[in-house]
């Protein structure tokens, strides 16, 4: 697997993980009772973006490491990946 492919797969896993992590621990201004003028009540009261980016990086690295380990040890056969990536036969 080329370096470019490894980076592309990691970036995809990272972005998917980010969208899974973003809602963690979010409390809206309405829930917390801290309204700021000119903002939507559903907007987050406290932004923990840097913490979420750290969690995303850690989780994505674990997922990528597990998948890379499985790929390099041939635990997932290439033929299986080819079969599941093709459209179903009718």
PDB file of N, CA and C in Angstrom:
ATOM      1  N   UNK A   1       0.847  -1.161   0.000  1.00  0.00           N
ATOM      2  CA  UNK A   1       0.000   0.000   0.000  1.00  0.00           C
ATOM      3  C   UNK A   1       0.900   1.234   0.000  1.00  0.00           C
ATOM      4  N   UNK A   2       0.594   2.167  -0.886  1.00  0.00           N
ATOM      5  CA  UNK A   2       1.433   3.362  -0.982  1.00  0.00           C
ATOM      6  C   UNK A   2       1.145   4.341   0.158  1.00  0.00           C
ATOM      7  N   UNK A   3       2.078   5.228   0.372  1.00  0.00           N
ATOM      8  CA  UNK A   3       1.943   6.222   1.433  1.00  0.00           C
ATOM      9  C   UNK A   3       0.725   7.116   1.201  1.00  0.00           C
ATOM     10  N   UNK A   4       0.484   7.478  -0.037  1.00  0.00           N
ATOM     11  CA  UNK A   4      -0.664   8.313  -0.369  1.00  0.00           C
ATOM     12  C   UNK A   4      -1.970   7.611  -0.018  1.00  0.00           C
ATOM     13  N   UNK A   5      -2.050   6.323  -0.302  1.00  0.00           N
ATOM     14  CA  UNK A   5      -3.250   5.553   0.029  1.00  0.00           C
ATOM     15  C   UNK A   5      -3.455   5.478   1.532  1.00  0.00           C
ATOM     16  N   UNK A   6      -2.387   5.257   2.277  1.00  0.00           N
ATOM     17  CA  UNK A   6      -2.468   5.189   3.740  1.00  0.00           C
ATOM     18  C   UNK A   6      -2.970   6.519   4.302  1.00  0.00           C
ATOM     19  N   UNK A   7      -2.437   7.624   3.812  1.00  0.00           N
ATOM     20  CA  UNK A   7      -2.857   8.944   4.285  1.00  0.00           C
ATOM     21  C   UNK A   7      -4.317   9.201   3.937  1.00  0.00           C
ATOM     22  N   UNK A   8      -4.722   8.858   2.721  1.00  0.00           N
ATOM     23  CA  UNK A   8      -6.109   9.070   2.292  1.00  0.00           C
ATOM     24  C   UNK A   8      -7.083   8.258   3.149  1.00  0.00           C
ATOM     25  N   UNK A   9      -6.745   7.014   3.437  1.00  0.00           N
ATOM     26  CA  UNK A   9      -7.617   6.179   4.268  1.00  0.00           C
ATOM     27  C   UNK A   9      -7.690   6.733   5.681  1.00  0.00           C
ATOM     28  N   UNK A  10      -6.556   7.168   6.230  1.00  0.00           N
ATOM     29  CA  UNK A  10      -6.561   7.742   7.576  1.00  0.00           C
ATOM     30  C   UNK A  10      -7.421   9.006   7.635  1.00  0.00           C
ATOM     31  N   UNK A  11      -7.306   9.863   6.627  1.00  0.00           N
ATOM     32  CA  UNK A  11      -8.091  11.098   6.601  1.00  0.00           C
ATOM     33  C   UNK A  11      -9.586  10.784   6.535  1.00  0.00           C
ATOM     34  N   UNK A  12      -9.966   9.806   5.734  1.00  0.00           N
ATOM     35  CA  UNK A  12     -11.377   9.410   5.669  1.00  0.00           C
ATOM     36  C   UNK A  12     -11.875   8.906   7.023  1.00  0.00           C
ATOM     37  N   UNK A  13     -11.097   8.046   7.653  1.00  0.00           N
ATOM     38  CA  UNK A  13     -11.478   7.528   8.972  1.00  0.00           C
ATOM     39  C   UNK A  13     -11.554   8.671   9.976  1.00  0.00           C
ATOM     40  N   UNK A  14     -10.622   9.618   9.903  1.00  0.00           N
ATOM     41  CA  UNK A  14     -10.603  10.749  10.834  1.00  0.00           C
ATOM     42  C   UNK A  14     -11.868  11.590  10.690  1.00  0.00           C
ATOM     43  N   UNK A  15     -12.256  11.912   9.457  1.00  0.00           N
ATOM     44  CA  UNK A  15     -13.440  12.743   9.240  1.00  0.00           C
ATOM     45  C   UNK A  15     -14.713  12.037   9.700  1.00  0.00           C
ATOM     46  N   UNK A  16     -14.831  10.759   9.390  1.00  0.00           N
ATOM     47  CA  UNK A  16     -16.016  10.018   9.825  1.00  0.00           C
ATOM     48  C   UNK A  16     -16.074   9.979  11.347  1.00  0.00           C
ATOM     49  N   UNK A  17     -14.931   9.763  11.979  1.00  0.00           N
ATOM     50  CA  UNK A  17     -14.869   9.750  13.440  1.00  0.00           C
ATOM     51  C   UNK A  17     -15.203  11.122  14.010  1.00  0.00           C
ATOM     52  N   UNK A  18     -14.749  12.190  13.369  1.00  0.00           N
ATOM     53  CA  UNK A  18     -15.060  13.546  13.839  1.00  0.00           C
ATOM     54  C   UNK A  18     -16.562  13.769  13.902  1.00  0.00           C
ATOM     55  N   UNK A  19     -17.284  13.360  12.857  1.00  0.00           N
ATOM     56  CA  UNK A  19     -18.729  13.563  12.848  1.00  0.00           C
ATOM     57  C   UNK A  19     -19.422  12.699  13.894  1.00  0.00           C
ATOM     58  N   UNK A  20     -18.808  11.599  14.291  1.00  0.00           N
ATOM     59  CA  UNK A  20     -19.364  10.783  15.374  1.00  0.00           C
ATOM     60  C   UNK A  20     -19.067  11.402  16.740  1.00  0.00           C
ATOM     61  N   UNK A  21     -17.932  12.079  16.880  1.00  0.00           N
ATOM     62  CA  UNK A  21     -17.501  12.631  18.168  1.00  0.00           C
ATOM     63  C   UNK A  21     -18.111  14.018  18.435  1.00  0.00           C
ATOM     64  N   UNK A  22     -18.408  14.791  17.419  1.00  0.00           N
ATOM     65  CA  UNK A  22     -18.886  16.164  17.610  1.00  0.00           C
ATOM     66  C   UNK A  22     -20.075  16.296  18.569  1.00  0.00           C
ATOM     67  N   UNK A  23     -21.067  15.418  18.535  1.00  0.00           N
ATOM     68  CA  UNK A  23     -22.197  15.611  19.455  1.00  0.00           C
ATOM     69  C   UNK A  23     -21.922  15.234  20.911  1.00  0.00           C
ATOM     70  N   UNK A  24     -20.794  14.637  21.221  1.00  0.00           N
ATOM     71  CA  UNK A  24     -20.506  14.199  22.590  1.00  0.00           C
ATOM     72  C   UNK A  24     -20.460  15.379  23.541  1.00  0.00           C
ATOM     73  N   UNK A  25     -21.241  15.318  24.593  1.00  0.00           N
ATOM     74  CA  UNK A  25     -21.182  16.307  25.657  1.00  0.00           C
ATOM     75  C   UNK A  25     -21.695  17.690  25.306  1.00  0.00           C
ATOM     76  N   UNK A  26     -22.435  17.824  24.231  1.00  0.00           N
ATOM     77  CA  UNK A  26     -22.927  19.137  23.824  1.00  0.00           C
ATOM     78  C   UNK A  26     -24.171  19.480  24.634  1.00  0.00           C
ATOM     79  N   UNK A  27     -24.140  20.648  25.244  1.00  0.00           N
ATOM     80  CA  UNK A  27     -25.310  21.194  25.935  1.00  0.00           C
ATOM     81  C   UNK A  27     -25.650  22.508  25.266  1.00  0.00           C
ATOM     82  N   UNK A  28     -26.891  22.627  24.850  1.00  0.00           N
ATOM     83  CA  UNK A  28     -27.303  23.857  24.178  1.00  0.00           C
ATOM     84  C   UNK A  28     -27.447  24.988  25.190  1.00  0.00           C
ATOM     85  N   UNK A  29     -27.539  26.207  24.669  1.00  0.00           N
ATOM     86  CA  UNK A  29     -27.739  27.365  25.533  1.00  0.00           C
ATOM     87  C   UNK A  29     -29.080  27.253  26.254  1.00  0.00           C
ATOM     88  N   UNK A  30     -30.054  26.685  25.579  1.00  0.00           N
ATOM     89  CA  UNK A  30     -31.372  26.510  26.189  1.00  0.00           C
ATOM     90  C   UNK A  30     -31.298  25.539  27.366  1.00  0.00           C
ATOM     91  N   UNK A  31     -30.560  24.425  27.204  1.00  0.00           N
ATOM     92  CA  UNK A  31     -30.433  23.433  28.279  1.00  0.00           C
ATOM     93  C   UNK A  31     -29.646  23.978  29.469  1.00  0.00           C
ATOM     94  N   UNK A  32     -28.622  24.759  29.185  1.00  0.00           N
ATOM     95  CA  UNK A  32     -27.776  25.259  30.272  1.00  0.00           C
ATOM     96  C   UNK A  32     -28.302  26.555  30.893  1.00  0.00           C
ATOM     97  N   UNK A  33     -29.245  27.198  30.217  1.00  0.00           N
ATOM     98  CA  UNK A  33     -29.817  28.438  30.750  1.00  0.00           C
ATOM     99  C   UNK A  33     -28.949  29.656  30.533  1.00  0.00           C
ATOM    100  N   UNK A  34     -27.912  29.551  29.726  1.00  0.00           N
ATOM    101  CA  UNK A  34     -27.001  30.676  29.466  1.00  0.00           C
ATOM    102  C   UNK A  34     -27.221  31.170  28.043  1.00  0.00           C
ATOM    103  N   UNK A  35     -28.141  32.125  27.884  1.00  0.00           N
ATOM    104  CA  UNK A  35     -28.429  32.660  26.556  1.00  0.00           C
ATOM    105  C   UNK A  35     -27.534  33.853  26.263  1.00  0.00           C
ATOM    106  N   UNK A  36     -27.038  33.906  25.038  1.00  0.00           N
ATOM    107  CA  UNK A  36     -26.298  35.076  24.580  1.00  0.00           C
ATOM    108  C   UNK A  36     -27.139  35.768  23.524  1.00  0.00           C
ATOM    109  N   UNK A  37     -27.189  37.076  23.587  1.00  0.00           N
ATOM    110  CA  UNK A  37     -28.006  37.845  22.647  1.00  0.00           C
ATOM    111  C   UNK A  37     -27.528  37.612  21.217  1.00  0.00           C
ATOM    112  N   UNK A  38     -28.496  37.414  20.326  1.00  0.00           N
ATOM    113  CA  UNK A  38     -28.186  37.262  18.917  1.00  0.00           C
ATOM    114  C   UNK A  38     -27.783  35.862  18.496  1.00  0.00           C
ATOM    115  N   UNK A  39     -27.877  34.889  19.394  1.00  0.00           N
ATOM    116  CA  UNK A  39     -27.529  33.512  19.034  1.00  0.00           C
ATOM    117  C   UNK A  39     -28.764  32.632  19.142  1.00  0.00           C
ATOM    118  N   UNK A  40     -28.711  31.529  18.480  1.00  0.00           N
ATOM    119  CA  UNK A  40     -29.796  30.559  18.527  1.00  0.00           C
ATOM    120  C   UNK A  40     -29.767  29.818  19.864  1.00  0.00           C
ATOM    121  N   UNK A  41     -30.918  29.584  20.483  1.00  0.00           N
ATOM    122  CA  UNK A  41     -30.929  28.863  21.759  1.00  0.00           C
ATOM    123  C   UNK A  41     -30.380  27.436  21.649  1.00  0.00           C
ATOM    124  N   UNK A  42     -30.385  26.870  20.435  1.00  0.00           N
ATOM    125  CA  UNK A  42     -29.861  25.516  20.245  1.00  0.00           C
ATOM    126  C   UNK A  42     -28.362  25.465  20.029  1.00  0.00           C
ATOM    127  N   UNK A  43     -27.717  26.637  19.985  1.00  0.00           N
ATOM    128  CA  UNK A  43     -26.262  26.680  19.811  1.00  0.00           C
ATOM    129  C   UNK A  43     -25.580  26.164  21.073  1.00  0.00           C
ATOM    130  N   UNK A  44     -24.421  25.521  20.917  1.00  0.00           N
ATOM    131  CA  UNK A  44     -23.722  25.014  22.099  1.00  0.00           C
ATOM    132  C   UNK A  44     -23.347  26.132  23.063  1.00  0.00           C
ATOM    133  N   UNK A  45     -23.479  25.858  24.356  1.00  0.00           N
ATOM    134  CA  UNK A  45     -23.122  26.840  25.373  1.00  0.00           C
ATOM    135  C   UNK A  45     -21.609  26.907  25.551  1.00  0.00           C
ATOM    136  N   UNK A  46     -20.945  25.756  25.520  1.00  0.00           N
ATOM    137  CA  UNK A  46     -19.496  25.691  25.689  1.00  0.00           C
ATOM    138  C   UNK A  46     -18.917  24.906  24.510  1.00  0.00           C
ATOM    139  N   UNK A  47     -17.930  25.493  23.860  1.00  0.00           N
ATOM    140  CA  UNK A  47     -17.296  24.832  22.725  1.00  0.00           C
ATOM    141  C   UNK A  47     -16.050  24.102  23.208  1.00  0.00           C
ATOM    142  N   UNK A  48     -16.010  22.826  22.992  1.00  0.00           N
ATOM    143  CA  UNK A  48     -14.844  22.014  23.379  1.00  0.00           C
ATOM    144  C   UNK A  48     -14.207  21.412  22.129  1.00  0.00           C
ATOM    145  N   UNK A  49     -13.989  22.260  21.132  1.00  0.00           N
ATOM    146  CA  UNK A  49     -13.527  21.781  19.829  1.00  0.00           C
ATOM    147  C   UNK A  49     -12.156  21.121  19.923  1.00  0.00           C
ATOM    148  N   UNK A  50     -11.211  21.722  20.644  1.00  0.00           N
ATOM    149  CA  UNK A  50      -9.861  21.154  20.702  1.00  0.00           C
ATOM    150  C   UNK A  50      -9.865  19.789  21.380  1.00  0.00           C
ATOM    151  N   UNK A  51     -10.682  19.642  22.426  1.00  0.00           N
ATOM    152  CA  UNK A  51     -10.788  18.350  23.095  1.00  0.00           C
ATOM    153  C   UNK A  51     -11.393  17.304  22.157  1.00  0.00           C
ATOM    154  N   UNK A  52     -12.393  17.710  21.379  1.00  0.00           N
ATOM    155  CA  UNK A  52     -13.026  16.784  20.443  1.00  0.00           C
ATOM    156  C   UNK A  52     -12.075  16.407  19.309  1.00  0.00           C
ATOM    157  N   UNK A  53     -11.248  17.353  18.879  1.00  0.00           N
ATOM    158  CA  UNK A  53     -10.257  17.032  17.850  1.00  0.00           C
ATOM    159  C   UNK A  53      -9.223  16.038  18.387  1.00  0.00           C
ATOM    160  N   UNK A  54      -8.853  16.184  19.640  1.00  0.00           N
ATOM    161  CA  UNK A  54      -7.929  15.233  20.263  1.00  0.00           C
ATOM    162  C   UNK A  54      -8.562  13.851  20.360  1.00  0.00           C
ATOM    163  N   UNK A  55      -9.802  13.783  20.849  1.00  0.00           N
ATOM    164  CA  UNK A  55     -10.503  12.495  20.922  1.00  0.00           C
ATOM    165  C   UNK A  55     -10.643  11.866  19.539  1.00  0.00           C
ATOM    166  N   UNK A  56     -10.971  12.694  18.553  1.00  0.00           N
ATOM    167  CA  UNK A  56     -11.114  12.197  17.182  1.00  0.00           C
ATOM    168  C   UNK A  56      -9.811  11.590  16.691  1.00  0.00           C
ATOM    169  N   UNK A  57      -8.711  12.269  16.933  1.00  0.00           N
ATOM    170  CA  UNK A  57      -7.410  11.773  16.482  1.00  0.00           C
ATOM    171  C   UNK A  57      -7.052  10.463  17.175  1.00  0.00           C
ATOM    172  N   UNK A  58      -7.298  10.382  18.474  1.00  0.00           N
ATOM    173  CA  UNK A  58      -6.989   9.145  19.209  1.00  0.00           C
ATOM    174  C   UNK A  58      -7.849   7.975  18.726  1.00  0.00           C
ATOM    175  N   UNK A  59      -9.145   8.195  18.604  1.00  0.00           N
ATOM    176  CA  UNK A  59     -10.045   7.121  18.181  1.00  0.00           C
ATOM    177  C   UNK A  59      -9.760   6.707  16.739  1.00  0.00           C
ATOM    178  N   UNK A  60      -9.553   7.685  15.850  1.00  0.00           N
ATOM    179  CA  UNK A  60      -9.265   7.374  14.450  1.00  0.00           C
ATOM    180  C   UNK A  60      -7.948   6.611  14.323  1.00  0.00           C
ATOM    181  N   UNK A  61      -6.970   6.940  15.157  1.00  0.00           N
ATOM    182  CA  UNK A  61      -5.690   6.226  15.111  1.00  0.00           C
ATOM    183  C   UNK A  61      -5.850   4.779  15.541  1.00  0.00           C
ATOM    184  N   UNK A  62      -6.673   4.544  16.559  1.00  0.00           N
ATOM    185  CA  UNK A  62      -6.918   3.165  17.003  1.00  0.00           C
ATOM    186  C   UNK A  62      -7.643   2.373  15.913  1.00  0.00           C
ATOM    187  N   UNK A  63      -8.674   2.973  15.330  1.00  0.00           N
ATOM    188  CA  UNK A  63      -9.418   2.298  14.264  1.00  0.00           C
ATOM    189  C   UNK A  63      -8.509   2.015  13.075  1.00  0.00           C
ATOM    190  N   UNK A  64      -7.736   3.027  12.665  1.00  0.00           N
ATOM    191  CA  UNK A  64      -6.830   2.839  11.532  1.00  0.00           C
ATOM    192  C   UNK A  64      -5.781   1.769  11.841  1.00  0.00           C
ATOM    193  N   UNK A  65      -5.239   1.800  13.058  1.00  0.00           N
ATOM    194  CA  UNK A  65      -4.243   0.801  13.439  1.00  0.00           C
ATOM    195  C   UNK A  65      -4.792  -0.605  13.384  1.00  0.00           C
ATOM    196  N   UNK A  66      -6.020  -0.794  13.859  1.00  0.00           N
ATOM    197  CA  UNK A  66      -6.640  -2.120  13.823  1.00  0.00           C
ATOM    198  C   UNK A  66      -6.868  -2.573  12.383  1.00  0.00           C
ATOM    199  N   UNK A  67      -7.360  -1.670  11.543  1.00  0.00           N
ATOM    200  CA  UNK A  67      -7.590  -2.032  10.142  1.00  0.00           C
ATOM    201  C   UNK A  67      -6.278  -2.285   9.401  1.00  0.00           C
ATOM    202  N   UNK A  68      -5.267  -1.487   9.681  1.00  0.00           N
ATOM    203  CA  UNK A  68      -3.968  -1.680   9.035  1.00  0.00           C
ATOM    204  C   UNK A  68      -3.344  -3.008   9.471  1.00  0.00           C
ATOM    205  N   UNK A  69      -3.467  -3.324  10.746  1.00  0.00           N
ATOM    206  CA  UNK A  69      -2.969  -4.608  11.253  1.00  0.00           C
ATOM    207  C   UNK A  69      -3.680  -5.765  10.551  1.00  0.00           C
ATOM    208  N   UNK A  70      -5.013  -5.671  10.450  1.00  0.00           N
ATOM    209  CA  UNK A  70      -5.784  -6.728   9.791  1.00  0.00           C
ATOM    210  C   UNK A  70      -5.399  -6.853   8.319  1.00  0.00           C
ATOM    211  N   UNK A  71      -5.152  -5.726   7.663  1.00  0.00           N
ATOM    212  CA  UNK A  71      -4.780  -5.754   6.246  1.00  0.00           C
ATOM    213  C   UNK A  71      -3.387  -6.347   6.052  1.00  0.00           C
ATOM    214  N   UNK A  72      -2.416  -5.933   6.866  1.00  0.00           N
ATOM    215  CA  UNK A  72      -1.043  -6.415   6.681  1.00  0.00           C
ATOM    216  C   UNK A  72      -0.878  -7.883   7.068  1.00  0.00           C
ATOM    217  N   UNK A  73      -1.734  -8.382   7.959  1.00  0.00           N
ATOM    218  CA  UNK A  73      -1.674  -9.792   8.375  1.00  0.00           C
ATOM    219  C   UNK A  73      -2.596 -10.680   7.547  1.00  0.00           C
ATOM    220  N   UNK A  74      -3.200 -10.106   6.502  1.00  0.00           N
ATOM    221  CA  UNK A  74      -4.133 -10.823   5.627  1.00  0.00           C
ATOM    222  C   UNK A  74      -5.291 -11.440   6.407  1.00  0.00           C
ATOM    223  N   UNK A  75      -5.752 -10.750   7.439  1.00  0.00           N
ATOM    224  CA  UNK A  75      -6.913 -11.217   8.175  1.00  0.00           C
ATOM    225  C   UNK A  75      -8.203 -10.916   7.420  1.00  0.00           C
ATOM    226  N   UNK A  76      -8.142  -9.939   6.523  1.00  0.00           N
ATOM    227  CA  UNK A  76      -9.254  -9.629   5.625  1.00  0.00           C
ATOM    228  C   UNK A  76      -8.773  -9.948   4.213  1.00  0.00           C
ATOM    229  N   UNK A  77      -9.244 -11.044   3.624  1.00  0.00           N
ATOM    230  CA  UNK A  77      -8.761 -11.421   2.288  1.00  0.00           C
ATOM    231  C   UNK A  77      -9.161 -10.387   1.229  1.00  0.00           C
ATOM    232  N   UNK A  78      -8.261 -10.144   0.292  1.00  0.00           N
ATOM    233  CA  UNK A  78      -8.493  -9.160  -0.757  1.00  0.00           C
ATOM    234  C   UNK A  78      -9.694  -9.552  -1.615  1.00  0.00           C
ATOM    235  N   UNK A  79      -9.874 -10.830  -1.868  1.00  0.00           N
ATOM    236  CA  UNK A  79     -11.019 -11.301  -2.659  1.00  0.00           C
ATOM    237  C   UNK A  79     -12.345 -10.935  -2.007  1.00  0.00           C
ATOM    238  N   UNK A  80     -12.396 -11.003  -0.697  1.00  0.00           N
ATOM    239  CA  UNK A  80     -13.605 -10.618   0.037  1.00  0.00           C
ATOM    240  C   UNK A  80     -13.895  -9.136  -0.150  1.00  0.00           C
ATOM    241  N   UNK A  81     -12.866  -8.305  -0.076  1.00  0.00           N
ATOM    242  CA  UNK A  81     -13.049  -6.869  -0.278  1.00  0.00           C
ATOM    243  C   UNK A  81     -13.534  -6.561  -1.697  1.00  0.00           C
ATOM    244  N   UNK A  82     -13.029  -7.308  -2.682  1.00  0.00           N
ATOM    245  CA  UNK A  82     -13.484  -7.119  -4.053  1.00  0.00           C
ATOM    246  C   UNK A  82     -14.960  -7.496  -4.193  1.00  0.00           C
ATOM    247  N   UNK A  83     -15.361  -8.605  -3.554  1.00  0.00           N
ATOM    248  CA  UNK A  83     -16.747  -9.051  -3.664  1.00  0.00           C
ATOM    249  C   UNK A  83     -17.721  -8.062  -3.027  1.00  0.00           C
ATOM    250  N   UNK A  84     -17.394  -7.521  -1.868  1.00  0.00           N
ATOM    251  CA  UNK A  84     -18.337  -6.628  -1.211  1.00  0.00           C
ATOM    252  C   UNK A  84     -18.328  -5.226  -1.801  1.00  0.00           C
ATOM    253  N   UNK A  85     -17.350  -4.899  -2.630  1.00  0.00           N
ATOM    254  CA  UNK A  85     -17.306  -3.562  -3.225  1.00  0.00           C
ATOM    255  C   UNK A  85     -17.994  -3.506  -4.582  1.00  0.00           C
ATOM    256  N   UNK A  86     -18.425  -4.651  -5.100  1.00  0.00           N
ATOM    257  CA  UNK A  86     -19.105  -4.681  -6.406  1.00  0.00           C
ATOM    258  C   UNK A  86     -20.609  -4.633  -6.201  1.00  0.00           C
ATOM    259  N   UNK A  87     -21.329  -4.130  -7.230  1.00  0.00           N
ATOM    260  CA  UNK A  87     -22.788  -4.121  -7.111  1.00  0.00           C
ATOM    261  C   UNK A  87     -23.322  -5.549  -7.094  1.00  0.00           C
ATOM    262  N   UNK A  88     -24.480  -5.756  -6.471  1.00  0.00           N
ATOM    263  CA  UNK A  88     -25.035  -7.104  -6.402  1.00  0.00           C
ATOM    264  C   UNK A  88     -25.419  -7.617  -7.791  1.00  0.00           C
ATOM    265  N   UNK A  89     -25.290  -8.922  -7.979  1.00  0.00           N
ATOM    266  CA  UNK A  89     -25.662  -9.553  -9.253  1.00  0.00           C
ATOM    267  C   UNK A  89     -27.127  -9.926  -9.187  1.00  0.00           C
ATOM    268  N   UNK A  90     -27.837  -9.628 -10.296  1.00  0.00           N
ATOM    269  CA  UNK A  90     -29.264  -9.992 -10.276  1.00  0.00           C
ATOM    270  C   UNK A  90     -29.562 -11.125 -11.221  1.00  0.00           C
TER     271      UNK A  90
END
